[in-house]
Every structure is written in C-alpha cells, then in structure tokens.
C-alpha atoms as a PDB file:
ATOM      1  CA  MET A   1      -8.447  -0.190  12.234  1.00  0.00           C
ATOM      2  CA  ALA A   2      -5.344  -0.408  10.078  1.00  0.00           C
ATOM      3  CA  LYS A   3      -2.253   1.514  11.113  1.00  0.00           C
ATOM      4  CA  CYS A   4      -1.055   4.176   8.651  1.00  0.00           C
ATOM      5  CA  TRP A   5       2.011   2.105   7.702  1.00  0.00           C
ATOM      6  CA  GLU A   6      -0.313  -0.773   6.715  1.00  0.00           C
ATOM      7  CA  ARG A   7      -2.306   1.243   4.136  1.00  0.00           C
ATOM      8  CA  ARG A   8      -1.423   1.963   0.517  1.00  0.00           C
ATOM      9  CA  ASP A   9      -3.972   4.802   0.145  1.00  0.00           C
ATOM     10  CA  CYS A  10      -4.774   3.999  -3.448  1.00  0.00           C
ATOM     11  CA  ASP A  11      -8.137   2.742  -4.642  1.00  0.00           C
ATOM     12  CA  ASP A  12      -8.840  -0.399  -6.701  1.00  0.00           C
ATOM     13  CA  LYS A  13      -8.638   1.465 -10.027  1.00  0.00           C
ATOM     14  CA  MET A  14      -5.248   2.947  -9.126  1.00  0.00           C
ATOM     15  CA  ARG A  15      -3.977  -0.497  -8.106  1.00  0.00           C
ATOM     16  CA  ALA A  16      -5.189  -2.004 -11.370  1.00  0.00           C
ATOM     17  CA  GLU A  17      -3.236   0.607 -13.334  1.00  0.00           C
ATOM     18  CA  CYS A  18      -0.244   0.774 -11.018  1.00  0.00           C
ATOM     19  CA  PRO A  19       3.051   1.188 -12.899  1.00  0.00           C
ATOM     20  CA  HIS A  20       4.870  -0.704 -10.148  1.00  0.00           C
ATOM     21  CA  PRO A  21       4.495  -4.328 -11.248  1.00  0.00           C
ATOM     22  CA  THR A  22       4.981  -5.829  -7.805  1.00  0.00           C
ATOM     23  CA  VAL A  23       2.673  -3.470  -5.918  1.00  0.00           C
ATOM     24  CA  PHE A  24       1.212  -6.282  -3.831  1.00  0.00           C
ATOM     25  CA  ILE A  25       4.622  -7.713  -2.962  1.00  0.00           C
ATOM     26  CA  ASP A  26       6.971  -4.746  -2.593  1.00  0.00           C
ATOM     27  CA  ARG A  27       6.616  -1.446  -0.808  1.00  0.00           C
ATOM     28  CA  CYS A  28       5.191   1.502  -2.684  1.00  0.00           C
ATOM     29  CA  PRO A  29       8.211   3.527  -3.799  1.00  0.00           C
ATOM     30  CA  THR A  30       8.704   7.037  -2.454  1.00  0.00           C
ATOM     31  CA  LYS A  31       8.449   8.419  -6.003  1.00  0.00           C
ATOM     32  CA  CYS A  32       4.846   7.168  -6.320  1.00  0.00           C
ATOM     33  CA  ALA A  33       2.412  10.097  -6.184  1.00  0.00           C
ATOM     34  CA  PHE A  34      -0.287   7.850  -4.703  1.00  0.00           C
ATOM     35  CA  ALA A  35       1.975   6.715  -1.856  1.00  0.00           C
ATOM     36  CA  LYS A  36       2.585  10.249  -0.591  1.00  0.00           C
ATOM     37  CA  CYS A  37       1.600  10.490   3.068  1.00  0.00           C
ATOM     38  CA  ASP A  38      -0.526  13.480   3.975  1.00  0.00           C
ATOM     39  CA  ARG A  39      -1.347  12.481   7.540  1.00  0.00           C
ATOM     40  CA  ALA A  40      -0.785  14.975  10.336  1.00  0.00           C
ATOM     41  CA  THR A  41       1.369  12.382  12.107  1.00  0.00           C
ATOM     42  CA  HIS A  42       3.823  12.076   9.189  1.00  0.00           C
ATOM     43  CA  GLU A  43       7.210  13.449  10.173  1.00  0.00           C
ATOM     44  CA  LEU A  44      10.211  13.074   7.885  1.00  0.00           C
ATOM     45  CA  THR A  45      13.259  12.430  10.026  1.00  0.00           C
ATOM     46  CA  THR A  46      16.988  12.073   9.518  1.00  0.00           C
ATOM     47  CA  ASP A  47      17.632  11.327  13.201  1.00  0.00           C
ATOM     48  CA  PRO A  48      20.188   8.498  13.054  1.00  0.00           C
ATOM     49  CA  GLN A  49      18.878   6.968  16.296  1.00  0.00           C
ATOM     50  CA  LEU A  50      15.487   6.480  14.667  1.00  0.00           C
ATOM     51  CA  VAL A  51      16.591   5.707  11.106  1.00  0.00           C
ATOM     52  CA  PHE A  52      19.067   3.021  12.228  1.00  0.00           C
ATOM     53  CA  ASP A  53      17.071   1.618  15.159  1.00  0.00           C
ATOM     54  CA  ALA A  54      17.540  -2.141  14.778  1.00  0.00           C
ATOM     55  CA  THR A  55      14.382  -2.927  16.749  1.00  0.00           C
ATOM     56  CA  VAL A  56      11.962  -1.395  14.211  1.00  0.00           C
ATOM     57  CA  ASP A  57      10.123  -4.017  12.149  1.00  0.00           C
ATOM     58  CA  ARG A  58      10.550  -2.356   8.758  1.00  0.00           C
ATOM     59  CA  ASP A  59       8.797  -5.249   7.023  1.00  0.00           C
ATOM     60  CA  ALA A  60       5.531  -3.947   8.494  1.00  0.00           C
ATOM     61  CA  ALA A  61       5.768  -0.752   6.410  1.00  0.00           C
ATOM     62  CA  ILE A  62       3.905  -1.002   3.127  1.00  0.00           C
ATOM     63  CA  LYS A  63       5.412   2.241   1.768  1.00  0.00           C
ATOM     64  CA  GLU A  64       9.077   3.236   1.527  1.00  0.00           C
ATOM     65  CA  GLU A  65       8.151   6.666   2.835  1.00  0.00           C
ATOM     66  CA  CYS A  66       7.400   5.100   6.230  1.00  0.00           C
ATOM     67  CA  LEU A  67      11.025   4.037   6.620  1.00  0.00           C
ATOM     68  CA  TYR A  68      11.994   7.688   7.205  1.00  0.00           C
ATOM     69  CA  CYS A  69       8.893   8.726   9.123  1.00  0.00           C
ATOM     70  CA  GLY A  70       9.518   9.555  12.769  1.00  0.00           C
ATOM     71  CA  PHE A  71       5.982   8.509  13.705  1.00  0.00           C
ATOM     72  CA  PHE A  72       6.446   5.011  12.249  1.00  0.00           C
ATOM     73  CA  LEU A  73       9.965   4.653  13.613  1.00  0.00           C
ATOM     74  CA  ARG A  74       8.790   5.541  17.131  1.00  0.00           C
ATOM     75  CA  ASN A  75       5.386   3.835  17.130  1.00  0.00           C
ATOM     76  CA  GLY A  76       5.644   0.989  14.636  1.00  0.00           C
ATOM     77  CA  PRO A  77       6.018  -2.677  15.508  1.00  0.00           C
ATOM     78  CA  ARG A  78       9.246  -3.905  17.055  1.00  0.00           C
ATOM     79  CA  LEU A  79      11.433  -6.918  16.499  1.00  0.00           C
ATOM     80  CA  LYS A  80      12.597  -9.009  19.411  1.00  0.00           C
ATOM     81  CA  LEU A  81      16.361  -9.177  19.050  1.00  0.00           C
ATOM     82  CA  ASP A  82      18.286 -12.203  20.367  1.00  0.00           C
ATOM     83  CA  ASP A  83      20.295 -10.146  22.864  1.00  0.00           C
ATOM     84  CA  GLN A  84      17.155  -8.618  24.438  1.00  0.00           C
ATOM     85  CA  ASP A  85      15.520 -10.218  27.452  1.00  0.00           C
END
C-alpha cells in the first residue's frame, strides 16, 4: 500500500487536464486544489526541528504540502547522512 506522501490523489482525468505541466516530474504545488490533504494524519507544522530536519528524504514527497506535514516529517523516509554511523 502506498504511503500518503507517495499519492497524488487525483484521478486520470484530472491528471490529463492538470494545469501544472510537469505534474509527473515535480511535486504538486500547495496551491493545487487536488493536492489538498484531507487525511486524519495530516498535521501542518512550523516546528523548526521537524521542518529543518536534515535526515528527512524530502524527495519522497510527491506533494509540496507534505514538506510541512508533521506526520510526513516524523514518519517519512530518512536519508543516511555521511556523519551518521
């Protein structure tokens, strides 16, 4: 089962008419009505420890909205940094 940060939540017709020309390459922008997250786990955060956590693999997020979601920032995939053992 796909993780919430791996899903666009738009159907094939929406994708075909998407005004964002690089929808399959770039993240869905936060201003996109179809990219709005309505999951119970979604939690907008401004906690600097989460927002600036260098270990979060932000490339895994398919929507910009995920980049400020506490659930994604706590539970999403991690990068292995060079200075970590």
